[in-house]
Amino acid sequence: MKTAISLPDPLFRAAEDAARRLHVSRSQLYSEALREFLDARGREGITEALDRVYTEESGNLDPVLTKIQRKSLGKTW
């Protein structure tokens, strides 16, 4: 999809230089940068969700399971 955006001149020049150094088109550079940005934001959402879960749940292990796990390790524990 074709789109038009406005960028500050210094950012545009930096992107042009990066695209040249990386031997990629401007479109490819912007696409990859946006994809990485969105992926990072998605991971933040996952982290926030896990943080909520772990603040609501106890992090304590069941003592019986702990004993069984230690036994299964044998003498390495």
Protein backbone atom coordinates (compact mmCIF):
# COMPACT_ATOMS: atom_id res chain seq x y z
CA MET A 1 0.00 0.00 0.00
CA LYS A 2 1.30 3.42 -0.86
CA THR A 3 1.17 6.13 1.81
CA ALA A 4 2.57 9.59 2.44
CA ILE A 5 4.03 10.71 5.77
CA SER A 6 5.82 13.80 7.05
CA LEU A 7 9.17 13.47 8.80
CA PRO A 8 11.50 16.06 10.27
CA ASP A 9 14.35 16.76 7.82
CA PRO A 10 17.11 15.33 10.07
CA LEU A 11 15.20 12.06 10.55
CA PHE A 12 14.55 11.79 6.81
CA ARG A 13 18.25 12.32 6.03
CA ALA A 14 19.28 9.75 8.66
CA ALA A 15 16.85 7.24 7.16
CA GLU A 16 18.18 7.92 3.66
CA ASP A 17 21.74 7.33 4.88
CA ALA A 18 20.71 4.12 6.66
CA ALA A 19 18.92 2.77 3.59
CA ARG A 20 21.99 3.47 1.45
CA ARG A 21 24.36 1.82 3.94
CA LEU A 22 22.10 -1.23 4.29
CA HIS A 23 21.51 -1.47 0.53
CA VAL A 24 17.73 -1.48 0.94
CA SER A 25 15.02 0.71 -0.48
CA ARG A 26 13.52 3.49 1.60
CA SER A 27 10.22 1.58 1.61
CA GLN A 28 11.90 -1.56 2.91
CA LEU A 29 13.71 0.40 5.62
CA TYR A 30 10.49 2.05 6.81
CA SER A 31 8.56 -1.24 6.64
CA GLU A 32 11.16 -3.09 8.72
CA ALA A 33 11.43 -0.25 11.23
CA LEU A 34 7.66 -0.11 11.67
CA ARG A 35 7.44 -3.90 11.99
CA GLU A 36 10.12 -3.92 14.71
CA PHE A 37 8.37 -1.06 16.51
CA LEU A 38 5.01 -2.87 16.47
CA ASP A 39 6.59 -6.18 17.52
CA ALA A 40 8.25 -4.46 20.49
CA ARG A 41 4.96 -2.88 21.51
CA GLY A 42 3.26 -6.27 21.28
CA ARG A 43 5.88 -7.78 23.58
CA GLU A 44 5.31 -4.96 26.06
CA GLY A 45 1.65 -5.94 26.17
CA ILE A 46 2.59 -9.53 26.92
CA THR A 47 4.97 -8.44 29.67
CA GLU A 48 2.32 -6.23 31.23
CA ALA A 49 -0.19 -9.10 31.17
CA LEU A 50 2.31 -11.48 32.79
CA ASP A 51 3.15 -8.86 35.41
CA ARG A 52 -0.56 -8.61 36.29
CA VAL A 53 -0.85 -12.39 36.60
CA TYR A 54 2.21 -12.71 38.82
CA THR A 55 1.12 -9.88 41.12
CA GLU A 56 -2.19 -11.68 41.68
CA GLU A 57 -0.80 -15.22 42.04
CA SER A 58 1.56 -16.64 44.61
CA GLY A 59 4.99 -17.50 43.31
CA ASN A 60 5.44 -20.21 45.94
CA LEU A 61 5.99 -23.75 44.74
CA ASP A 62 3.99 -26.62 46.12
CA PRO A 63 6.28 -28.28 48.71
CA VAL A 64 5.31 -31.79 47.57
CA LEU A 65 6.16 -31.00 43.94
CA THR A 66 9.42 -29.40 45.02
CA LYS A 67 10.39 -32.56 46.90
CA ILE A 68 9.52 -34.76 43.91
CA GLN A 69 11.51 -32.53 41.55
CA ARG A 70 14.55 -32.60 43.82
CA LYS A 71 14.34 -36.38 44.06
CA SER A 72 14.16 -36.69 40.29
CA LEU A 73 17.45 -34.80 39.96
CA GLY A 74 19.25 -37.38 42.04
CA LYS A 75 22.68 -36.47 43.36
CA THR A 76 23.12 -33.54 40.96
CA TRP A 77 20.99 -31.40 43.30
